[in-house]
Amino acid sequence: MRVQIDRFEDNGWAVLLPYPDGRRGFDVPRELLPEEVSAGDVFDVRFEYDRDETLRIAEENRRLLDELLGGEE
């Protein structure tokens, strides 16, 4: 996926648009982008699924829910 920086907001967010079609932008915290970037710059973005972390969080959530509902530990 490629994105282009549309603009930076005063609240510390950057507005990114899919590149090249520019439809349906989304915001990301400015701090996630390199300091030297500016509006108009294009990035390749990759999402990686972390199955192990997903399973770990799911197990932790089950454990916490069991504790809250008074289940077995």
C-alpha atoms as a PDB file:
ATOM      1  CA  MET A   1       0.000   0.000   0.000  1.00  0.00           C
ATOM      2  CA  ARG A   2       1.282   3.444  -0.849  1.00  0.00           C
ATOM      3  CA  VAL A   3       0.238   6.634   0.905  1.00  0.00           C
ATOM      4  CA  GLN A   4       0.952  10.316   0.462  1.00  0.00           C
ATOM      5  CA  ILE A   5       1.079  12.926   3.209  1.00  0.00           C
ATOM      6  CA  ASP A   6      -1.732  15.370   2.558  1.00  0.00           C
ATOM      7  CA  ARG A   7      -1.077  17.715   5.476  1.00  0.00           C
ATOM      8  CA  PHE A   8      -0.096  18.046   9.102  1.00  0.00           C
ATOM      9  CA  GLU A   9      -2.722  19.126  11.624  1.00  0.00           C
ATOM     10  CA  ASP A  10      -2.013  21.418  14.577  1.00  0.00           C
ATOM     11  CA  ASN A  11      -3.100  18.676  16.972  1.00  0.00           C
ATOM     12  CA  GLY A  12      -0.053  16.527  16.184  1.00  0.00           C
ATOM     13  CA  TRP A  13      -1.651  14.327  13.528  1.00  0.00           C
ATOM     14  CA  ALA A  14      -0.747  13.772   9.885  1.00  0.00           C
ATOM     15  CA  VAL A  15      -3.435  13.188   7.266  1.00  0.00           C
ATOM     16  CA  LEU A  16      -2.452  10.421   4.833  1.00  0.00           C
ATOM     17  CA  LEU A  17      -4.170   9.607   1.554  1.00  0.00           C
ATOM     18  CA  PRO A  18      -3.931   6.357  -0.405  1.00  0.00           C
ATOM     19  CA  TYR A  19      -1.628   6.954  -3.354  1.00  0.00           C
ATOM     20  CA  PRO A  20      -2.303   7.563  -6.182  1.00  0.00           C
ATOM     21  CA  ASP A  21      -6.123   7.623  -5.964  1.00  0.00           C
ATOM     22  CA  GLY A  22      -6.308   9.847  -2.859  1.00  0.00           C
ATOM     23  CA  ARG A  23      -9.648   8.540  -1.614  1.00  0.00           C
ATOM     24  CA  ARG A  24     -10.647   8.271   2.033  1.00  0.00           C
ATOM     25  CA  GLY A  25      -7.717   9.634   3.962  1.00  0.00           C
ATOM     26  CA  PHE A  26      -6.810   8.636   7.484  1.00  0.00           C
ATOM     27  CA  ASP A  27      -4.904  10.206  10.346  1.00  0.00           C
ATOM     28  CA  VAL A  28      -1.767   8.944  12.065  1.00  0.00           C
ATOM     29  CA  PRO A  29       0.198  10.467  14.931  1.00  0.00           C
ATOM     30  CA  ARG A  30       2.888  12.767  13.524  1.00  0.00           C
ATOM     31  CA  GLU A  31       5.437  11.106  15.798  1.00  0.00           C
ATOM     32  CA  LEU A  32       5.197   7.865  13.783  1.00  0.00           C
ATOM     33  CA  LEU A  33       6.653   9.572  10.714  1.00  0.00           C
ATOM     34  CA  PRO A  34      10.292  10.548  10.204  1.00  0.00           C
ATOM     35  CA  GLU A  35      11.062  14.150  11.235  1.00  0.00           C
ATOM     36  CA  GLU A  36      12.248  15.264   7.814  1.00  0.00           C
ATOM     37  CA  VAL A  37       9.072  14.421   5.863  1.00  0.00           C
ATOM     38  CA  SER A  38       6.734  17.012   4.421  1.00  0.00           C
ATOM     39  CA  ALA A  39       3.357  17.256   2.712  1.00  0.00           C
ATOM     40  CA  GLY A  40       3.430  15.508  -0.644  1.00  0.00           C
ATOM     41  CA  ASP A  41       5.919  12.815   0.372  1.00  0.00           C
ATOM     42  CA  VAL A  42       4.967   9.246  -0.611  1.00  0.00           C
ATOM     43  CA  PHE A  43       5.509   6.127   1.536  1.00  0.00           C
ATOM     44  CA  ASP A  44       5.180   2.393   1.144  1.00  0.00           C
ATOM     45  CA  VAL A  45       3.191   1.053   4.111  1.00  0.00           C
ATOM     46  CA  ARG A  46       3.050  -2.569   5.150  1.00  0.00           C
ATOM     47  CA  PHE A  47       0.825  -4.200   7.745  1.00  0.00           C
ATOM     48  CA  GLU A  48       2.182  -7.345   9.354  1.00  0.00           C
ATOM     49  CA  TYR A  49      -0.069  -9.743  11.236  1.00  0.00           C
ATOM     50  CA  ASP A  50       1.456 -10.816  14.559  1.00  0.00           C
ATOM     51  CA  ARG A  51      -0.365 -14.061  15.297  1.00  0.00           C
ATOM     52  CA  ASP A  52       1.614 -14.856  18.440  1.00  0.00           C
ATOM     53  CA  GLU A  53       0.866 -11.461  20.016  1.00  0.00           C
ATOM     54  CA  THR A  54      -2.795 -11.721  19.007  1.00  0.00           C
ATOM     55  CA  LEU A  55      -3.081 -15.102  20.719  1.00  0.00           C
ATOM     56  CA  ARG A  56      -1.239 -13.844  23.805  1.00  0.00           C
ATOM     57  CA  ILE A  57      -3.585 -10.869  24.171  1.00  0.00           C
ATOM     58  CA  ALA A  58      -6.657 -13.071  23.648  1.00  0.00           C
ATOM     59  CA  GLU A  59      -5.474 -15.414  26.405  1.00  0.00           C
ATOM     60  CA  GLU A  60      -4.759 -12.510  28.742  1.00  0.00           C
ATOM     61  CA  ASN A  61      -8.218 -11.073  28.067  1.00  0.00           C
ATOM     62  CA  ARG A  62      -9.833 -14.458  28.812  1.00  0.00           C
ATOM     63  CA  ARG A  63      -7.889 -14.701  32.065  1.00  0.00           C
ATOM     64  CA  LEU A  64      -8.913 -11.189  33.140  1.00  0.00           C
ATOM     65  CA  LEU A  65     -12.542 -11.840  32.252  1.00  0.00           C
ATOM     66  CA  ASP A  66     -12.491 -15.057  34.277  1.00  0.00           C
ATOM     67  CA  GLU A  67     -11.103 -13.114  37.246  1.00  0.00           C
ATOM     68  CA  LEU A  68     -13.800 -10.449  36.932  1.00  0.00           C
ATOM     69  CA  LEU A  69     -16.576 -13.021  36.670  1.00  0.00           C
ATOM     70  CA  GLY A  70     -15.201 -15.066  39.551  1.00  0.00           C
ATOM     71  CA  GLY A  71     -14.180 -18.034  37.455  1.00  0.00           C
ATOM     72  CA  GLU A  72     -11.396 -20.487  38.038  1.00  0.00           C
ATOM     73  CA  GLU A  73      -7.844 -19.206  37.851  1.00  0.00           C
END
